[in-house]
PDB file of N, CA and C in Angstrom:
ATOM      1  N   MET A   1       0.829  -1.198   0.000  1.00  0.00           N
ATOM      2  CA  MET A   1       0.000   0.000   0.000  1.00  0.00           C
ATOM      3  C   MET A   1       0.871   1.258   0.000  1.00  0.00           C
ATOM      4  N   PHE A   2       2.053   1.177   0.637  1.00  0.00           N
ATOM      5  CA  PHE A   2       2.938   2.339   0.703  1.00  0.00           C
ATOM      6  C   PHE A   2       3.340   2.792  -0.697  1.00  0.00           C
ATOM      7  N   LYS A   3       3.753   1.842  -1.526  1.00  0.00           N
ATOM      8  CA  LYS A   3       4.187   2.184  -2.884  1.00  0.00           C
ATOM      9  C   LYS A   3       3.019   2.726  -3.708  1.00  0.00           C
ATOM     10  N   LYS A   4       1.839   2.177  -3.494  1.00  0.00           N
ATOM     11  CA  LYS A   4       0.653   2.624  -4.215  1.00  0.00           C
ATOM     12  C   LYS A   4       0.316   4.071  -3.847  1.00  0.00           C
ATOM     13  N   VAL A   5       0.432   4.391  -2.579  1.00  0.00           N
ATOM     14  CA  VAL A   5       0.118   5.751  -2.121  1.00  0.00           C
ATOM     15  C   VAL A   5       1.161   6.734  -2.639  1.00  0.00           C
ATOM     16  N   THR A   6       2.443   6.400  -2.493  1.00  0.00           N
ATOM     17  CA  THR A   6       3.495   7.342  -2.879  1.00  0.00           C
ATOM     18  C   THR A   6       3.610   7.516  -4.392  1.00  0.00           C
ATOM     19  N   SER A   7       3.090   6.568  -5.159  1.00  0.00           N
ATOM     20  CA  SER A   7       3.142   6.711  -6.618  1.00  0.00           C
ATOM     21  C   SER A   7       1.849   7.301  -7.182  1.00  0.00           C
ATOM     22  N   HIS A   8       0.893   7.610  -6.326  1.00  0.00           N
ATOM     23  CA  HIS A   8      -0.375   8.194  -6.771  1.00  0.00           C
ATOM     24  C   HIS A   8      -0.124   9.591  -7.334  1.00  0.00           C
ATOM     25  N   LYS A   9      -0.866   9.922  -8.403  1.00  0.00           N
ATOM     26  CA  LYS A   9      -0.696  11.226  -9.044  1.00  0.00           C
ATOM     27  C   LYS A   9      -1.000  12.356  -8.054  1.00  0.00           C
ATOM     28  N   GLY A  10      -0.106  13.306  -7.968  1.00  0.00           N
ATOM     29  CA  GLY A  10      -0.300  14.474  -7.114  1.00  0.00           C
ATOM     30  C   GLY A  10       0.237  14.328  -5.707  1.00  0.00           C
ATOM     31  N   PHE A  11       0.717  13.129  -5.348  1.00  0.00           N
ATOM     32  CA  PHE A  11       1.199  12.903  -3.982  1.00  0.00           C
ATOM     33  C   PHE A  11       2.399  13.790  -3.662  1.00  0.00           C
ATOM     34  N   TRP A  12       3.421  13.736  -4.497  1.00  0.00           N
ATOM     35  CA  TRP A  12       4.655  14.469  -4.189  1.00  0.00           C
ATOM     36  C   TRP A  12       4.477  15.978  -4.327  1.00  0.00           C
ATOM     37  N   LYS A  13       3.583  16.401  -5.199  1.00  0.00           N
ATOM     38  CA  LYS A  13       3.301  17.833  -5.310  1.00  0.00           C
ATOM     39  C   LYS A  13       2.664  18.328  -4.015  1.00  0.00           C
ATOM     40  N   SER A  14       1.765  17.537  -3.475  1.00  0.00           N
ATOM     41  CA  SER A  14       1.123  17.895  -2.214  1.00  0.00           C
ATOM     42  C   SER A  14       2.127  17.898  -1.063  1.00  0.00           C
ATOM     43  N   VAL A  15       3.041  16.924  -1.064  1.00  0.00           N
ATOM     44  CA  VAL A  15       4.089  16.884  -0.030  1.00  0.00           C
ATOM     45  C   VAL A  15       4.950  18.145  -0.108  1.00  0.00           C
ATOM     46  N   ALA A  16       5.359  18.526  -1.304  1.00  0.00           N
ATOM     47  CA  ALA A  16       6.209  19.716  -1.476  1.00  0.00           C
ATOM     48  C   ALA A  16       5.475  20.978  -1.023  1.00  0.00           C
ATOM     49  N   THR A  17       4.213  21.088  -1.378  1.00  0.00           N
ATOM     50  CA  THR A  17       3.431  22.265  -0.989  1.00  0.00           C
ATOM     51  C   THR A  17       3.292  22.364   0.524  1.00  0.00           C
ATOM     52  N   LEU A  18       2.953  21.253   1.159  1.00  0.00           N
ATOM     53  CA  LEU A  18       2.816  21.270   2.619  1.00  0.00           C
ATOM     54  C   LEU A  18       4.161  21.491   3.310  1.00  0.00           C
ATOM     55  N   THR A  19       5.239  20.957   2.736  1.00  0.00           N
ATOM     56  CA  THR A  19       6.570  21.167   3.308  1.00  0.00           C
ATOM     57  C   THR A  19       6.908  22.646   3.355  1.00  0.00           C
ATOM     58  N   LEU A  20       6.733  23.322   2.233  1.00  0.00           N
ATOM     59  CA  LEU A  20       7.046  24.751   2.184  1.00  0.00           C
ATOM     60  C   LEU A  20       6.104  25.569   3.069  1.00  0.00           C
ATOM     61  N   ALA A  21       4.837  25.231   3.056  1.00  0.00           N
ATOM     62  CA  ALA A  21       3.871  25.971   3.880  1.00  0.00           C
ATOM     63  C   ALA A  21       4.198  25.817   5.360  1.00  0.00           C
ATOM     64  N   PHE A  22       4.491  24.592   5.794  1.00  0.00           N
ATOM     65  CA  PHE A  22       4.824  24.364   7.194  1.00  0.00           C
ATOM     66  C   PHE A  22       6.102  25.108   7.577  1.00  0.00           C
ATOM     67  N   ALA A  23       7.117  25.057   6.714  1.00  0.00           N
ATOM     68  CA  ALA A  23       8.384  25.727   7.023  1.00  0.00           C
ATOM     69  C   ALA A  23       8.190  27.231   7.173  1.00  0.00           C
ATOM     70  N   VAL A  24       7.411  27.824   6.287  1.00  0.00           N
ATOM     71  CA  VAL A  24       7.182  29.272   6.352  1.00  0.00           C
ATOM     72  C   VAL A  24       6.383  29.641   7.602  1.00  0.00           C
ATOM     73  N   VAL A  25       5.313  28.902   7.859  1.00  0.00           N
ATOM     74  CA  VAL A  25       4.490  29.194   9.039  1.00  0.00           C
ATOM     75  C   VAL A  25       5.298  29.008  10.322  1.00  0.00           C
ATOM     76  N   PHE A  26       6.055  27.928  10.406  1.00  0.00           N
ATOM     77  CA  PHE A  26       6.833  27.677  11.616  1.00  0.00           C
ATOM     78  C   PHE A  26       7.935  28.720  11.792  1.00  0.00           C
ATOM     79  N   PHE A  27       8.515  29.200  10.686  1.00  0.00           N
ATOM     80  CA  PHE A  27       9.506  30.266  10.767  1.00  0.00           C
ATOM     81  C   PHE A  27       8.888  31.512  11.392  1.00  0.00           C
ATOM     82  N   PHE A  28       7.692  31.883  10.925  1.00  0.00           N
ATOM     83  CA  PHE A  28       7.039  33.072  11.465  1.00  0.00           C
ATOM     84  C   PHE A  28       6.614  32.886  12.918  1.00  0.00           C
ATOM     85  N   VAL A  29       6.230  31.683  13.291  1.00  0.00           N
ATOM     86  CA  VAL A  29       5.881  31.412  14.690  1.00  0.00           C
ATOM     87  C   VAL A  29       7.115  31.572  15.572  1.00  0.00           C
ATOM     88  N   GLN A  30       8.245  31.011  15.134  1.00  0.00           N
ATOM     89  CA  GLN A  30       9.474  31.163  15.911  1.00  0.00           C
ATOM     90  C   GLN A  30       9.895  32.621  15.988  1.00  0.00           C
ATOM     91  N   TRP A  31       9.768  33.339  14.896  1.00  0.00           N
ATOM     92  CA  TRP A  31      10.143  34.748  14.856  1.00  0.00           C
ATOM     93  C   TRP A  31       9.243  35.551  15.792  1.00  0.00           C
ATOM     94  N   ALA A  32       7.975  35.206  15.874  1.00  0.00           N
ATOM     95  CA  ALA A  32       7.047  35.893  16.769  1.00  0.00           C
ATOM     96  C   ALA A  32       7.430  35.665  18.228  1.00  0.00           C
ATOM     97  N   PHE A  33       7.916  34.457  18.553  1.00  0.00           N
ATOM     98  CA  PHE A  33       8.297  34.169  19.934  1.00  0.00           C
ATOM     99  C   PHE A  33       9.516  34.963  20.393  1.00  0.00           C
ATOM    100  N   VAL A  34      10.327  35.443  19.463  1.00  0.00           N
ATOM    101  CA  VAL A  34      11.461  36.292  19.850  1.00  0.00           C
ATOM    102  C   VAL A  34      11.118  37.770  19.667  1.00  0.00           C
ATOM    103  N   GLY A  35       9.856  38.072  19.494  1.00  0.00           N
ATOM    104  CA  GLY A  35       9.401  39.459  19.410  1.00  0.00           C
ATOM    105  C   GLY A  35       9.697  40.124  18.088  1.00  0.00           C
ATOM    106  N   PHE A  36       9.734  39.379  17.019  1.00  0.00           N
ATOM    107  CA  PHE A  36      10.023  39.887  15.677  1.00  0.00           C
ATOM    108  C   PHE A  36      11.337  40.668  15.645  1.00  0.00           C
ATOM    109  N   SER A  37      12.317  40.123  16.358  1.00  0.00           N
ATOM    110  CA  SER A  37      13.635  40.740  16.414  1.00  0.00           C
ATOM    111  C   SER A  37      14.332  40.618  15.059  1.00  0.00           C
ATOM    112  N   ALA A  38      14.975  41.712  14.636  1.00  0.00           N
ATOM    113  CA  ALA A  38      15.689  41.707  13.359  1.00  0.00           C
ATOM    114  C   ALA A  38      16.871  40.744  13.387  1.00  0.00           C
ATOM    115  N   GLY A  39      17.426  40.484  14.559  1.00  0.00           N
ATOM    116  CA  GLY A  39      18.545  39.562  14.678  1.00  0.00           C
ATOM    117  C   GLY A  39      18.173  38.129  14.338  1.00  0.00           C
ATOM    118  N   PHE A  40      16.897  37.792  14.468  1.00  0.00           N
ATOM    119  CA  PHE A  40      16.442  36.434  14.163  1.00  0.00           C
ATOM    120  C   PHE A  40      16.519  36.135  12.671  1.00  0.00           C
ATOM    121  N   LEU A  41      16.493  37.176  11.844  1.00  0.00           N
ATOM    122  CA  LEU A  41      16.509  36.976  10.400  1.00  0.00           C
ATOM    123  C   LEU A  41      17.860  36.485   9.881  1.00  0.00           C
ATOM    124  N   ASN A  42      18.883  36.531  10.706  1.00  0.00           N
ATOM    125  CA  ASN A  42      20.190  35.989  10.331  1.00  0.00           C
ATOM    126  C   ASN A  42      20.220  34.494  10.636  1.00  0.00           C
ATOM    127  N   VAL A  43      19.428  33.741   9.907  1.00  0.00           N
ATOM    128  CA  VAL A  43      19.311  32.306  10.157  1.00  0.00           C
ATOM    129  C   VAL A  43      20.457  31.571   9.475  1.00  0.00           C
ATOM    130  N   SER A  44      20.871  30.496  10.095  1.00  0.00           N
ATOM    131  CA  SER A  44      21.947  29.693   9.530  1.00  0.00           C
ATOM    132  C   SER A  44      21.377  28.638   8.587  1.00  0.00           C
ATOM    133  N   LEU A  45      22.264  28.023   7.852  1.00  0.00           N
ATOM    134  CA  LEU A  45      21.866  26.939   6.953  1.00  0.00           C
ATOM    135  C   LEU A  45      21.275  25.787   7.751  1.00  0.00           C
ATOM    136  N   ARG A  46      21.803  25.574   8.941  1.00  0.00           N
ATOM    137  CA  ARG A  46      21.312  24.509   9.817  1.00  0.00           C
ATOM    138  C   ARG A  46      19.833  24.732  10.183  1.00  0.00           C
ATOM    139  N   THR A  47      19.462  25.982  10.435  1.00  0.00           N
ATOM    140  CA  THR A  47      18.084  26.316  10.761  1.00  0.00           C
ATOM    141  C   THR A  47      17.164  26.080   9.567  1.00  0.00           C
ATOM    142  N   VAL A  48      17.611  26.485   8.394  1.00  0.00           N
ATOM    143  CA  VAL A  48      16.812  26.293   7.181  1.00  0.00           C
ATOM    144  C   VAL A  48      16.612  24.810   6.904  1.00  0.00           C
ATOM    145  N   VAL A  49      17.680  24.021   7.055  1.00  0.00           N
ATOM    146  CA  VAL A  49      17.583  22.573   6.839  1.00  0.00           C
ATOM    147  C   VAL A  49      16.626  21.950   7.858  1.00  0.00           C
ATOM    148  N   ALA A  50      16.708  22.393   9.111  1.00  0.00           N
ATOM    149  CA  ALA A  50      15.821  21.860  10.148  1.00  0.00           C
ATOM    150  C   ALA A  50      14.365  22.203   9.855  1.00  0.00           C
ATOM    151  N   LEU A  51      14.099  23.422   9.410  1.00  0.00           N
ATOM    152  CA  LEU A  51      12.729  23.811   9.059  1.00  0.00           C
ATOM    153  C   LEU A  51      12.208  22.984   7.889  1.00  0.00           C
ATOM    154  N   LEU A  52      13.042  22.789   6.873  1.00  0.00           N
ATOM    155  CA  LEU A  52      12.617  22.009   5.714  1.00  0.00           C
ATOM    156  C   LEU A  52      12.452  20.528   6.057  1.00  0.00           C
ATOM    157  N   LEU A  53      13.322  20.004   6.900  1.00  0.00           N
ATOM    158  CA  LEU A  53      13.196  18.602   7.299  1.00  0.00           C
ATOM    159  C   LEU A  53      11.937  18.397   8.138  1.00  0.00           C
ATOM    160  N   GLY A  54      11.690  19.293   9.065  1.00  0.00           N
ATOM    161  CA  GLY A  54      10.462  19.226   9.858  1.00  0.00           C
ATOM    162  C   GLY A  54       9.231  19.380   8.985  1.00  0.00           C
ATOM    163  N   GLY A  55       9.318  20.280   8.018  1.00  0.00           N
ATOM    164  CA  GLY A  55       8.218  20.466   7.084  1.00  0.00           C
ATOM    165  C   GLY A  55       7.978  19.232   6.237  1.00  0.00           C
ATOM    166  N   PHE A  56       9.061  18.567   5.849  1.00  0.00           N
ATOM    167  CA  PHE A  56       8.920  17.343   5.054  1.00  0.00           C
ATOM    168  C   PHE A  56       8.246  16.238   5.860  1.00  0.00           C
ATOM    169  N   VAL A  57       8.658  16.079   7.097  1.00  0.00           N
ATOM    170  CA  VAL A  57       8.042  15.046   7.951  1.00  0.00           C
ATOM    171  C   VAL A  57       6.550  15.332   8.096  1.00  0.00           C
ATOM    172  N   TYR A  58       6.220  16.581   8.364  1.00  0.00           N
ATOM    173  CA  TYR A  58       4.807  16.967   8.496  1.00  0.00           C
ATOM    174  C   TYR A  58       4.059  16.778   7.173  1.00  0.00           C
ATOM    175  N   GLY A  59       4.612  17.302   6.101  1.00  0.00           N
ATOM    176  CA  GLY A  59       3.956  17.222   4.800  1.00  0.00           C
ATOM    177  C   GLY A  59       3.762  15.801   4.323  1.00  0.00           C
ATOM    178  N   PHE A  60       4.789  14.972   4.513  1.00  0.00           N
ATOM    179  CA  PHE A  60       4.692  13.582   4.078  1.00  0.00           C
ATOM    180  C   PHE A  60       3.643  12.833   4.879  1.00  0.00           C
ATOM    181  N   SER A  61       3.652  13.004   6.190  1.00  0.00           N
ATOM    182  CA  SER A  61       2.709  12.250   7.018  1.00  0.00           C
ATOM    183  C   SER A  61       1.263  12.689   6.771  1.00  0.00           C
ATOM    184  N   MET A  62       1.016  13.973   6.634  1.00  0.00           N
ATOM    185  CA  MET A  62      -0.338  14.456   6.380  1.00  0.00           C
ATOM    186  C   MET A  62      -0.827  14.022   4.994  1.00  0.00           C
ATOM    187  N   THR A  63       0.042  14.138   4.003  1.00  0.00           N
ATOM    188  CA  THR A  63      -0.343  13.751   2.650  1.00  0.00           C
ATOM    189  C   THR A  63      -0.536  12.250   2.545  1.00  0.00           C
ATOM    190  N   TYR A  64       0.324  11.488   3.208  1.00  0.00           N
ATOM    191  CA  TYR A  64       0.184  10.034   3.175  1.00  0.00           C
ATOM    192  C   TYR A  64      -1.158   9.622   3.781  1.00  0.00           C
ATOM    193  N   GLY A  65      -1.500  10.208   4.902  1.00  0.00           N
ATOM    194  CA  GLY A  65      -2.784   9.900   5.538  1.00  0.00           C
ATOM    195  C   GLY A  65      -3.960  10.255   4.654  1.00  0.00           C
ATOM    196  N   LYS A  66      -3.876  11.397   4.005  1.00  0.00           N
ATOM    197  CA  LYS A  66      -4.958  11.831   3.127  1.00  0.00           C
ATOM    198  C   LYS A  66      -5.132  10.874   1.938  1.00  0.00           C
ATOM    199  N   PHE A  67      -4.027  10.556   1.269  1.00  0.00           N
ATOM    200  CA  PHE A  67      -4.100   9.689   0.099  1.00  0.00           C
ATOM    201  C   PHE A  67      -4.424   8.248   0.492  1.00  0.00           C
ATOM    202  N   TRP A  68      -3.909   7.787   1.620  1.00  0.00           N
ATOM    203  CA  TRP A  68      -4.209   6.433   2.081  1.00  0.00           C
ATOM    204  C   TRP A  68      -5.706   6.300   2.345  1.00  0.00           C
ATOM    205  N   GLY A  69      -6.280   7.294   3.001  1.00  0.00           N
ATOM    206  CA  GLY A  69      -7.709   7.280   3.273  1.00  0.00           C
ATOM    207  C   GLY A  69      -8.528   7.294   1.993  1.00  0.00           C
ATOM    208  N   LYS A  70      -8.083   8.104   1.030  1.00  0.00           N
ATOM    209  CA  LYS A  70      -8.795   8.184  -0.233  1.00  0.00           C
ATOM    210  C   LYS A  70      -8.755   6.839  -0.973  1.00  0.00           C
ATOM    211  N   LEU A  71      -7.583   6.201  -1.024  1.00  0.00           N
ATOM    212  CA  LEU A  71      -7.465   4.914  -1.709  1.00  0.00           C
ATOM    213  C   LEU A  71      -8.207   3.809  -0.963  1.00  0.00           C
ATOM    214  N   LYS A  72      -8.178   3.839   0.359  1.00  0.00           N
ATOM    215  CA  LYS A  72      -8.882   2.839   1.154  1.00  0.00           C
ATOM    216  C   LYS A  72     -10.397   2.970   0.950  1.00  0.00           C
ATOM    217  N   GLU A  73     -10.890   4.194   0.932  1.00  0.00           N
ATOM    218  CA  GLU A  73     -12.314   4.430   0.706  1.00  0.00           C
ATOM    219  C   GLU A  73     -12.718   3.953  -0.696  1.00  0.00           C
ATOM    220  N   LYS A  74     -11.871   4.223  -1.676  1.00  0.00           N
ATOM    221  CA  LYS A  74     -12.149   3.797  -3.049  1.00  0.00           C
ATOM    222  C   LYS A  74     -12.164   2.265  -3.136  1.00  0.00           C
ATOM    223  N   ALA A  75     -11.244   1.599  -2.439  1.00  0.00           N
ATOM    224  CA  ALA A  75     -11.183   0.137  -2.459  1.00  0.00           C
ATOM    225  C   ALA A  75     -12.407  -0.468  -1.769  1.00  0.00           C
ATOM    226  N   ASN A  76     -12.865   0.128  -0.682  1.00  0.00           N
ATOM    227  CA  ASN A  76     -14.051  -0.367   0.016  1.00  0.00           C
ATOM    228  C   ASN A  76     -15.326  -0.127  -0.779  1.00  0.00           C
ATOM    229  N   LYS A  77     -15.337   0.939  -1.562  1.00  0.00           N
ATOM    230  CA  LYS A  77     -16.499   1.260  -2.370  1.00  0.00           C
ATOM    231  C   LYS A  77     -16.669   0.258  -3.508  1.00  0.00           C
ATOM    232  N   ASN A  78     -15.536  -0.261  -4.001  1.00  0.00           N
ATOM    233  CA  ASN A  78     -15.570  -1.206  -5.124  1.00  0.00           C
ATOM    234  C   ASN A  78     -15.944  -2.627  -4.687  1.00  0.00           C
ATOM    235  N   LYS A  79     -16.000  -2.891  -3.408  1.00  0.00           N
ATOM    236  CA  LYS A  79     -16.345  -4.250  -2.929  1.00  0.00           C
ATOM    237  C   LYS A  79     -17.817  -4.527  -3.039  1.00  0.00           C
TER     238      LYS A  79
END
């Protein structure tokens, strides 16, 4: 089922979209917690990688659940 879900049309596009959205939102949340300090904008490569990796984990898991549910519902409907 894993291969079927990950090879479904639109899966990786949805993962990429959610990854970027999560990274941007989480960046602004972190920036808000430091009071929108200008010094926070000097982010390191390590921070960017961590945001993107966290975004990927979130995006992949949410998209996988969505597509898995859709395929499972379709399979049950055909029975």
